[in-house]
C-alpha atoms as a PDB file:
ATOM      1  CA  UNK A   1      18.280  57.659 -62.614  1.00  0.00           C
ATOM      2  CA  UNK A   2      15.989  54.923 -60.754  1.00  0.00           C
ATOM      3  CA  UNK A   3      12.776  54.408 -61.850  1.00  0.00           C
ATOM      4  CA  UNK A   4       9.994  52.986 -59.960  1.00  0.00           C
ATOM      5  CA  UNK A   5       9.375  49.284 -60.103  1.00  0.00           C
ATOM      6  CA  UNK A   6       5.763  49.810 -61.270  1.00  0.00           C
ATOM      7  CA  UNK A   7       6.360  52.423 -63.906  1.00  0.00           C
ATOM      8  CA  UNK A   8       9.407  49.971 -65.418  1.00  0.00           C
ATOM      9  CA  UNK A   9       6.818  46.802 -64.907  1.00  0.00           C
ATOM     10  CA  UNK A  10       4.426  49.229 -67.334  1.00  0.00           C
ATOM     11  CA  UNK A  11       6.955  49.999 -69.689  1.00  0.00           C
ATOM     12  CA  UNK A  12       8.042  46.394 -70.081  1.00  0.00           C
ATOM     13  CA  UNK A  13       4.687  45.411 -70.778  1.00  0.00           C
ATOM     14  CA  UNK A  14       4.146  47.598 -73.344  1.00  0.00           C
ATOM     15  CA  UNK A  15       7.114  46.984 -74.955  1.00  0.00           C
ATOM     16  CA  UNK A  16       6.010  43.231 -75.128  1.00  0.00           C
ATOM     17  CA  UNK A  17       2.798  43.881 -76.266  1.00  0.00           C
ATOM     18  CA  UNK A  18       3.900  45.886 -79.149  1.00  0.00           C
ATOM     19  CA  UNK A  19       6.596  43.581 -80.093  1.00  0.00           C
ATOM     20  CA  UNK A  20       4.640  40.619 -79.978  1.00  0.00           C
ATOM     21  CA  UNK A  21       1.748  41.982 -81.986  1.00  0.00           C
ATOM     22  CA  UNK A  22       4.593  43.982 -84.039  1.00  0.00           C
ATOM     23  CA  UNK A  23       5.593  39.973 -84.793  1.00  0.00           C
ATOM     24  CA  UNK A  24       2.016  39.237 -85.556  1.00  0.00           C
ATOM     25  CA  UNK A  25       1.646  41.882 -87.414  1.00  0.00           C
ATOM     26  CA  UNK A  26       4.291  41.549 -89.924  1.00  0.00           C
ATOM     27  CA  UNK A  27       4.010  37.670 -90.350  1.00  0.00           C
ATOM     28  CA  UNK A  28       0.215  38.123 -91.411  1.00  0.00           C
ATOM     29  CA  UNK A  29       1.578  40.887 -93.331  1.00  0.00           C
ATOM     30  CA  UNK A  30      -0.487  43.659 -91.795  1.00  0.00           C
ATOM     31  CA  UNK A  31       1.133  46.905 -91.598  1.00  0.00           C
ATOM     32  CA  UNK A  32       3.103  48.836 -88.854  1.00  0.00           C
ATOM     33  CA  UNK A  33      -0.017  50.645 -87.372  1.00  0.00           C
ATOM     34  CA  UNK A  34      -2.278  48.176 -86.882  1.00  0.00           C
ATOM     35  CA  UNK A  35       0.424  45.689 -85.119  1.00  0.00           C
ATOM     36  CA  UNK A  36       0.756  48.942 -82.517  1.00  0.00           C
ATOM     37  CA  UNK A  37      -3.052  48.813 -82.303  1.00  0.00           C
ATOM     38  CA  UNK A  38      -2.439  45.133 -81.250  1.00  0.00           C
ATOM     39  CA  UNK A  39       0.111  46.057 -79.206  1.00  0.00           C
ATOM     40  CA  UNK A  40      -1.605  49.135 -77.409  1.00  0.00           C
ATOM     41  CA  UNK A  41      -5.034  46.161 -76.810  1.00  0.00           C
ATOM     42  CA  UNK A  42      -2.534  43.212 -75.515  1.00  0.00           C
ATOM     43  CA  UNK A  43      -0.511  46.125 -73.291  1.00  0.00           C
ATOM     44  CA  UNK A  44      -4.115  47.224 -72.104  1.00  0.00           C
ATOM     45  CA  UNK A  45      -5.412  43.627 -71.178  1.00  0.00           C
ATOM     46  CA  UNK A  46      -1.924  43.226 -69.556  1.00  0.00           C
ATOM     47  CA  UNK A  47      -2.070  46.309 -67.432  1.00  0.00           C
ATOM     48  CA  UNK A  48      -6.172  45.855 -66.538  1.00  0.00           C
ATOM     49  CA  UNK A  49      -5.513  41.868 -65.348  1.00  0.00           C
ATOM     50  CA  UNK A  50      -2.371  43.843 -63.191  1.00  0.00           C
ATOM     51  CA  UNK A  51      -4.402  46.051 -61.624  1.00  0.00           C
ATOM     52  CA  UNK A  52      -6.844  43.497 -61.127  1.00  0.00           C
ATOM     53  CA  UNK A  53      -5.118  41.555 -59.166  1.00  0.00           C
ATOM     54  CA  UNK A  54      -3.064  44.540 -57.214  1.00  0.00           C
ATOM     55  CA  UNK A  55      -6.869  45.129 -56.010  1.00  0.00           C
ATOM     56  CA  UNK A  56      -7.127  41.661 -55.530  1.00  0.00           C
ATOM     57  CA  UNK A  57      -4.053  41.781 -53.008  1.00  0.00           C
ATOM     58  CA  UNK A  58      -4.981  44.644 -51.087  1.00  0.00           C
ATOM     59  CA  UNK A  59      -8.700  43.368 -50.382  1.00  0.00           C
ATOM     60  CA  UNK A  60      -6.688  39.855 -48.929  1.00  0.00           C
ATOM     61  CA  UNK A  61      -4.467  42.454 -47.041  1.00  0.00           C
ATOM     62  CA  UNK A  62      -7.400  44.365 -45.639  1.00  0.00           C
ATOM     63  CA  UNK A  63      -9.311  40.964 -45.092  1.00  0.00           C
ATOM     64  CA  UNK A  64      -5.767  39.814 -42.804  1.00  0.00           C
ATOM     65  CA  UNK A  65      -5.378  42.932 -41.126  1.00  0.00           C
ATOM     66  CA  UNK A  66      -9.278  43.040 -40.034  1.00  0.00           C
ATOM     67  CA  UNK A  67      -8.994  39.728 -39.157  1.00  0.00           C
ATOM     68  CA  UNK A  68      -5.711  40.030 -37.015  1.00  0.00           C
ATOM     69  CA  UNK A  69      -7.410  43.004 -35.319  1.00  0.00           C
ATOM     70  CA  UNK A  70     -10.341  40.954 -34.167  1.00  0.00           C
ATOM     71  CA  UNK A  71      -8.110  38.335 -32.913  1.00  0.00           C
ATOM     72  CA  UNK A  72      -6.336  40.549 -31.049  1.00  0.00           C
ATOM     73  CA  UNK A  73      -9.205  42.617 -29.437  1.00  0.00           C
ATOM     74  CA  UNK A  74     -10.599  39.157 -28.506  1.00  0.00           C
ATOM     75  CA  UNK A  75      -7.416  37.965 -26.719  1.00  0.00           C
ATOM     76  CA  UNK A  76      -7.757  41.655 -25.051  1.00  0.00           C
ATOM     77  CA  UNK A  77     -10.985  41.295 -24.114  1.00  0.00           C
ATOM     78  CA  UNK A  78     -10.944  37.960 -22.569  1.00  0.00           C
ATOM     79  CA  UNK A  79      -7.435  39.773 -20.606  1.00  0.00           C
ATOM     80  CA  UNK A  80      -9.670  42.622 -19.604  1.00  0.00           C
ATOM     81  CA  UNK A  81     -12.386  39.961 -18.107  1.00  0.00           C
ATOM     82  CA  UNK A  82      -9.826  37.820 -16.720  1.00  0.00           C
ATOM     83  CA  UNK A  83      -8.597  40.824 -14.742  1.00  0.00           C
ATOM     84  CA  UNK A  84     -12.051  42.144 -13.809  1.00  0.00           C
ATOM     85  CA  UNK A  85     -12.748  38.743 -12.019  1.00  0.00           C
ATOM     86  CA  UNK A  86      -9.397  38.629 -10.634  1.00  0.00           C
ATOM     87  CA  UNK A  87     -10.560  42.013  -8.726  1.00  0.00           C
ATOM     88  CA  UNK A  88     -14.020  41.004  -8.096  1.00  0.00           C
ATOM     89  CA  UNK A  89     -12.452  37.914  -6.285  1.00  0.00           C
ATOM     90  CA  UNK A  90      -9.887  39.900  -4.326  1.00  0.00           C
ATOM     91  CA  UNK A  91     -12.885  42.422  -3.139  1.00  0.00           C
ATOM     92  CA  UNK A  92     -15.234  39.434  -1.790  1.00  0.00           C
ATOM     93  CA  UNK A  93     -12.104  37.596   0.044  1.00  0.00           C
ATOM     94  CA  UNK A  94     -11.054  41.254   1.396  1.00  0.00           C
ATOM     95  CA  UNK A  95     -14.816  41.760   2.190  1.00  0.00           C
ATOM     96  CA  UNK A  96     -15.272  38.842   3.918  1.00  0.00           C
ATOM     97  CA  UNK A  97     -11.820  38.858   6.038  1.00  0.00           C
ATOM     98  CA  UNK A  98     -13.086  42.524   7.111  1.00  0.00           C
ATOM     99  CA  UNK A  99     -16.527  40.748   7.894  1.00  0.00           C
ATOM    100  CA  UNK A 100     -14.605  38.113   9.891  1.00  0.00           C
ATOM    101  CA  UNK A 101     -12.711  40.390  12.097  1.00  0.00           C
ATOM    102  CA  UNK A 102     -15.573  42.588  12.978  1.00  0.00           C
ATOM    103  CA  UNK A 103     -17.471  39.265  14.192  1.00  0.00           C
ATOM    104  CA  UNK A 104     -14.232  38.550  15.958  1.00  0.00           C
ATOM    105  CA  UNK A 105     -14.289  41.706  17.434  1.00  0.00           C
ATOM    106  CA  UNK A 106     -17.634  41.758  18.293  1.00  0.00           C
ATOM    107  CA  UNK A 107     -17.627  38.722  20.141  1.00  0.00           C
ATOM    108  CA  UNK A 108     -15.096  39.015  22.046  1.00  0.00           C
ATOM    109  CA  UNK A 109     -16.390  42.432  23.490  1.00  0.00           C
ATOM    110  CA  UNK A 110     -19.588  40.968  24.312  1.00  0.00           C
ATOM    111  CA  UNK A 111     -17.343  38.197  26.263  1.00  0.00           C
ATOM    112  CA  UNK A 112     -15.912  41.081  28.511  1.00  0.00           C
ATOM    113  CA  UNK A 113     -18.945  42.924  29.108  1.00  0.00           C
END
């Protein structure tokens, strides 16, 4: 059976906290249930710290994704603006070419009349 990594880390932290607190408690002559209570406190603090780190990492990843999305949108916007300007320029060139052809035909027709 495979234990998920997070669960195994939690179990390890609980065991480590209980072991350390038992060792500290036994060393100071405390009874076992007091040592286990200290172990539980150590475990909760470790777990809260890990939870906070996980939340910070999530926030960092979210911010990085947001920054990447903004950069991508900016690149796409620049590309779209460039393509729009190229289309405008081509349309202007085509309009000028049509006007020149029209003027050329008008001028030739007047000379023959």
